[in-house]
C-alpha cells in the first residue's frame, strides 16, 4: 500500500467533526485518506467534500476543502491519499 501526500490540515472544527484541508494534490469522494501528525493517526474513507459549503465530487491542488472525520486532527497534520 502506497501513500501520496495531498495536503495539510489547516483547521479542525470540533463541534461538527470537520477537518479543513489545504490541498496540494487531488482527492475525490470514495478515496481513502490517512491523516498523520504528532498525536494524530486516522484513516478515513472520504464520504463528502465541501468547498465553501458547496458539496463537490472532487477537488485539486490549491483548494481549501472540508471533510468529515471520525476523530480530532490538528493544524499542520499531513494528509495522504492511500493508493491500493
N, C-alpha and C. Protein backbone atom coordinates (compact mmCIF):
# COMPACT_ATOMS: atom_id res chain seq x y z
N UNK A 1 0.85 -1.18 0.00
CA UNK A 1 0.00 0.00 0.00
C UNK A 1 0.89 1.24 0.00
N UNK A 2 0.56 2.16 -0.88
CA UNK A 2 1.38 3.36 -1.04
C UNK A 2 0.58 4.57 -0.58
N UNK A 3 1.28 5.61 -0.12
CA UNK A 3 0.62 6.84 0.28
C UNK A 3 1.27 8.03 -0.41
N UNK A 4 0.41 8.93 -0.88
CA UNK A 4 0.85 10.12 -1.59
C UNK A 4 0.36 11.33 -0.82
N UNK A 5 1.28 12.23 -0.43
CA UNK A 5 0.84 13.41 0.32
C UNK A 5 0.03 14.33 -0.59
N UNK A 6 -1.17 14.71 -0.10
CA UNK A 6 -2.05 15.55 -0.92
C UNK A 6 -2.44 16.84 -0.21
N UNK A 7 -1.91 17.08 1.00
CA UNK A 7 -2.26 18.34 1.66
C UNK A 7 -1.95 18.34 3.14
N UNK A 8 -2.38 19.43 3.79
CA UNK A 8 -2.17 19.61 5.23
C UNK A 8 -3.44 20.12 5.87
N UNK A 9 -3.66 19.71 7.12
CA UNK A 9 -4.81 20.20 7.88
C UNK A 9 -4.54 21.66 8.26
N UNK A 10 -5.49 22.54 7.92
CA UNK A 10 -5.39 23.97 8.25
C UNK A 10 -6.17 24.26 9.52
N UNK A 11 -7.26 23.53 9.72
CA UNK A 11 -8.16 23.83 10.82
C UNK A 11 -8.95 22.57 11.15
N UNK A 12 -9.48 22.51 12.38
CA UNK A 12 -10.34 21.41 12.78
C UNK A 12 -11.52 22.00 13.54
N UNK A 13 -12.72 21.62 13.11
CA UNK A 13 -13.95 22.14 13.71
C UNK A 13 -14.56 21.03 14.58
N UNK A 14 -14.27 21.09 15.88
CA UNK A 14 -14.64 20.01 16.80
C UNK A 14 -16.14 19.78 16.87
N UNK A 15 -16.93 20.85 16.88
CA UNK A 15 -18.38 20.71 17.04
C UNK A 15 -19.01 19.89 15.93
N UNK A 16 -18.49 20.03 14.73
CA UNK A 16 -19.08 19.32 13.59
C UNK A 16 -18.17 18.20 13.08
N UNK A 17 -17.01 18.02 13.68
CA UNK A 17 -16.11 16.93 13.30
C UNK A 17 -15.59 17.04 11.88
N UNK A 18 -15.20 18.25 11.50
CA UNK A 18 -14.74 18.51 10.13
C UNK A 18 -13.30 19.02 10.14
N UNK A 19 -12.49 18.47 9.24
CA UNK A 19 -11.12 18.94 9.04
C UNK A 19 -11.10 19.86 7.83
N UNK A 20 -10.47 21.03 7.99
CA UNK A 20 -10.23 21.93 6.87
C UNK A 20 -8.85 21.62 6.33
N UNK A 21 -8.78 21.23 5.06
CA UNK A 21 -7.52 20.76 4.47
C UNK A 21 -7.15 21.61 3.27
N UNK A 22 -5.91 22.11 3.27
CA UNK A 22 -5.37 22.83 2.11
C UNK A 22 -4.71 21.80 1.21
N UNK A 23 -5.23 21.65 0.00
CA UNK A 23 -4.74 20.60 -0.89
C UNK A 23 -3.53 21.01 -1.71
N UNK A 24 -2.63 20.04 -1.88
CA UNK A 24 -1.50 20.19 -2.82
C UNK A 24 -1.62 19.10 -3.89
N UNK A 25 -2.63 18.26 -3.77
CA UNK A 25 -2.87 17.18 -4.73
C UNK A 25 -4.36 17.02 -4.93
N UNK A 26 -4.76 15.88 -5.55
CA UNK A 26 -6.17 15.67 -5.88
C UNK A 26 -6.81 14.69 -4.93
N UNK A 27 -8.12 14.87 -4.73
CA UNK A 27 -8.90 13.98 -3.87
C UNK A 27 -10.30 13.88 -4.46
N UNK A 28 -10.93 12.73 -4.27
CA UNK A 28 -12.29 12.53 -4.76
C UNK A 28 -13.09 11.75 -3.72
N UNK A 29 -14.41 11.90 -3.77
CA UNK A 29 -15.28 11.12 -2.91
C UNK A 29 -15.02 9.64 -3.20
N UNK A 30 -14.88 8.85 -2.14
CA UNK A 30 -14.59 7.42 -2.31
C UNK A 30 -13.13 7.08 -2.08
N UNK A 31 -12.26 8.11 -2.10
CA UNK A 31 -10.83 7.88 -1.82
C UNK A 31 -10.65 7.56 -0.33
N UNK A 32 -9.58 6.86 -0.02
CA UNK A 32 -9.20 6.64 1.38
C UNK A 32 -8.03 7.57 1.68
N UNK A 33 -8.13 8.28 2.82
CA UNK A 33 -7.05 9.19 3.21
C UNK A 33 -6.49 8.77 4.56
N UNK A 34 -5.25 9.17 4.80
CA UNK A 34 -4.56 8.91 6.07
C UNK A 34 -4.07 10.26 6.57
N UNK A 35 -4.54 10.66 7.76
CA UNK A 35 -4.12 11.92 8.36
C UNK A 35 -3.13 11.59 9.48
N UNK A 36 -1.93 12.15 9.38
CA UNK A 36 -0.87 11.78 10.32
C UNK A 36 -0.19 13.02 10.88
N UNK A 37 0.02 13.02 12.20
CA UNK A 37 0.71 14.12 12.87
C UNK A 37 1.31 13.60 14.16
N UNK A 38 1.77 14.51 15.03
CA UNK A 38 2.41 14.13 16.29
C UNK A 38 1.53 13.20 17.11
N UNK A 39 0.24 13.55 17.21
CA UNK A 39 -0.68 12.75 18.03
C UNK A 39 -1.87 12.27 17.22
N UNK A 40 -1.82 12.43 15.91
CA UNK A 40 -2.94 12.06 15.04
C UNK A 40 -2.52 10.88 14.16
N UNK A 41 -3.42 9.91 14.02
CA UNK A 41 -3.20 8.81 13.08
C UNK A 41 -4.56 8.25 12.71
N UNK A 42 -5.17 8.84 11.68
CA UNK A 42 -6.52 8.47 11.26
C UNK A 42 -6.51 7.97 9.84
N UNK A 43 -7.27 6.93 9.57
CA UNK A 43 -7.51 6.50 8.18
C UNK A 43 -9.02 6.58 7.97
N UNK A 44 -9.42 7.29 6.94
CA UNK A 44 -10.83 7.56 6.67
C UNK A 44 -11.15 7.35 5.20
N UNK A 45 -12.39 6.90 4.94
CA UNK A 45 -12.87 6.96 3.56
C UNK A 45 -13.57 8.31 3.40
N UNK A 46 -13.31 9.00 2.30
CA UNK A 46 -13.92 10.31 2.05
C UNK A 46 -15.35 10.11 1.58
N UNK A 47 -16.30 10.52 2.43
CA UNK A 47 -17.72 10.36 2.10
C UNK A 47 -18.29 11.60 1.41
N UNK A 48 -17.70 12.77 1.72
CA UNK A 48 -18.15 14.00 1.08
C UNK A 48 -17.04 15.04 1.18
N UNK A 49 -17.05 15.94 0.23
CA UNK A 49 -16.07 17.03 0.19
C UNK A 49 -16.86 18.32 0.02
N UNK A 50 -16.46 19.34 0.77
CA UNK A 50 -17.10 20.64 0.59
C UNK A 50 -16.06 21.72 0.34
N UNK A 51 -16.40 22.63 -0.57
CA UNK A 51 -15.60 23.84 -0.81
C UNK A 51 -16.56 25.00 -0.58
N UNK A 52 -16.25 25.83 0.42
CA UNK A 52 -17.11 26.96 0.79
C UNK A 52 -18.58 26.54 0.91
N UNK A 53 -18.82 25.46 1.67
CA UNK A 53 -20.15 24.94 1.99
C UNK A 53 -20.89 24.36 0.79
N UNK A 54 -20.22 24.19 -0.34
CA UNK A 54 -20.83 23.54 -1.50
C UNK A 54 -20.24 22.15 -1.65
N UNK A 55 -21.10 21.14 -1.81
CA UNK A 55 -20.60 19.77 -1.98
C UNK A 55 -20.02 19.59 -3.38
N UNK A 56 -18.86 18.95 -3.44
CA UNK A 56 -18.22 18.65 -4.72
C UNK A 56 -17.80 17.17 -4.72
N UNK A 57 -17.63 16.60 -5.91
CA UNK A 57 -17.22 15.20 -6.04
C UNK A 57 -15.71 15.04 -5.94
N UNK A 58 -15.00 16.09 -6.40
CA UNK A 58 -13.53 16.03 -6.36
C UNK A 58 -12.96 17.43 -6.19
N UNK A 59 -11.70 17.48 -5.74
CA UNK A 59 -11.04 18.76 -5.55
C UNK A 59 -9.56 18.58 -5.87
N UNK A 60 -8.87 19.67 -6.13
CA UNK A 60 -7.47 19.57 -6.54
C UNK A 60 -6.58 20.58 -5.85
N UNK A 61 -5.34 20.59 -6.27
CA UNK A 61 -4.31 21.43 -5.70
C UNK A 61 -4.77 22.89 -5.61
N UNK A 62 -4.56 23.50 -4.43
CA UNK A 62 -4.94 24.89 -4.23
C UNK A 62 -6.29 25.06 -3.57
N UNK A 63 -7.12 24.00 -3.60
CA UNK A 63 -8.44 24.08 -2.98
C UNK A 63 -8.33 23.95 -1.46
N UNK A 64 -9.18 24.67 -0.74
CA UNK A 64 -9.33 24.51 0.70
C UNK A 64 -10.65 23.78 0.90
N UNK A 65 -10.57 22.54 1.38
CA UNK A 65 -11.76 21.69 1.46
C UNK A 65 -12.10 21.37 2.91
N UNK A 66 -13.34 20.96 3.12
CA UNK A 66 -13.77 20.45 4.41
C UNK A 66 -14.23 19.02 4.23
N UNK A 67 -13.75 18.11 5.10
CA UNK A 67 -14.25 16.73 5.09
C UNK A 67 -14.54 16.29 6.51
N UNK A 68 -15.56 15.47 6.65
CA UNK A 68 -15.92 14.93 7.97
C UNK A 68 -14.91 13.87 8.37
N UNK A 69 -14.46 13.92 9.62
CA UNK A 69 -13.52 12.92 10.14
C UNK A 69 -14.06 12.36 11.45
N UNK A 70 -13.61 11.16 11.82
CA UNK A 70 -14.16 10.47 12.98
C UNK A 70 -13.47 10.86 14.28
N UNK A 71 -12.33 11.54 14.19
CA UNK A 71 -11.59 11.89 15.39
C UNK A 71 -10.88 13.22 15.19
N UNK A 72 -10.40 13.79 16.29
CA UNK A 72 -9.72 15.08 16.26
C UNK A 72 -8.45 15.03 15.40
N UNK A 73 -8.21 16.08 14.65
CA UNK A 73 -6.92 16.24 13.99
C UNK A 73 -6.47 17.67 14.25
N UNK A 74 -5.23 17.96 13.93
CA UNK A 74 -4.65 19.23 14.32
C UNK A 74 -4.01 19.97 13.15
N UNK A 75 -3.94 21.29 13.29
CA UNK A 75 -3.32 22.11 12.26
C UNK A 75 -1.90 21.62 12.02
N UNK A 76 -1.54 21.47 10.74
CA UNK A 76 -0.19 21.03 10.39
C UNK A 76 -0.08 19.52 10.15
N UNK A 77 -1.13 18.75 10.55
CA UNK A 77 -1.10 17.31 10.26
C UNK A 77 -1.05 17.10 8.75
N UNK A 78 -0.29 16.08 8.35
CA UNK A 78 -0.15 15.75 6.93
C UNK A 78 -1.30 14.86 6.48
N UNK A 79 -1.77 15.09 5.26
CA UNK A 79 -2.88 14.31 4.70
C UNK A 79 -2.35 13.55 3.49
N UNK A 80 -2.54 12.23 3.51
CA UNK A 80 -2.08 11.36 2.43
C UNK A 80 -3.24 10.64 1.81
N UNK A 81 -3.16 10.43 0.48
CA UNK A 81 -4.14 9.59 -0.19
C UNK A 81 -3.55 8.18 -0.21
N UNK A 82 -4.36 7.20 0.20
CA UNK A 82 -3.92 5.81 0.22
C UNK A 82 -4.17 5.22 -1.16
N UNK A 83 -3.10 4.69 -1.77
CA UNK A 83 -3.20 4.09 -3.09
C UNK A 83 -3.04 2.59 -2.94
N UNK A 84 -4.09 1.86 -3.27
CA UNK A 84 -4.08 0.39 -3.10
C UNK A 84 -3.19 -0.25 -4.15
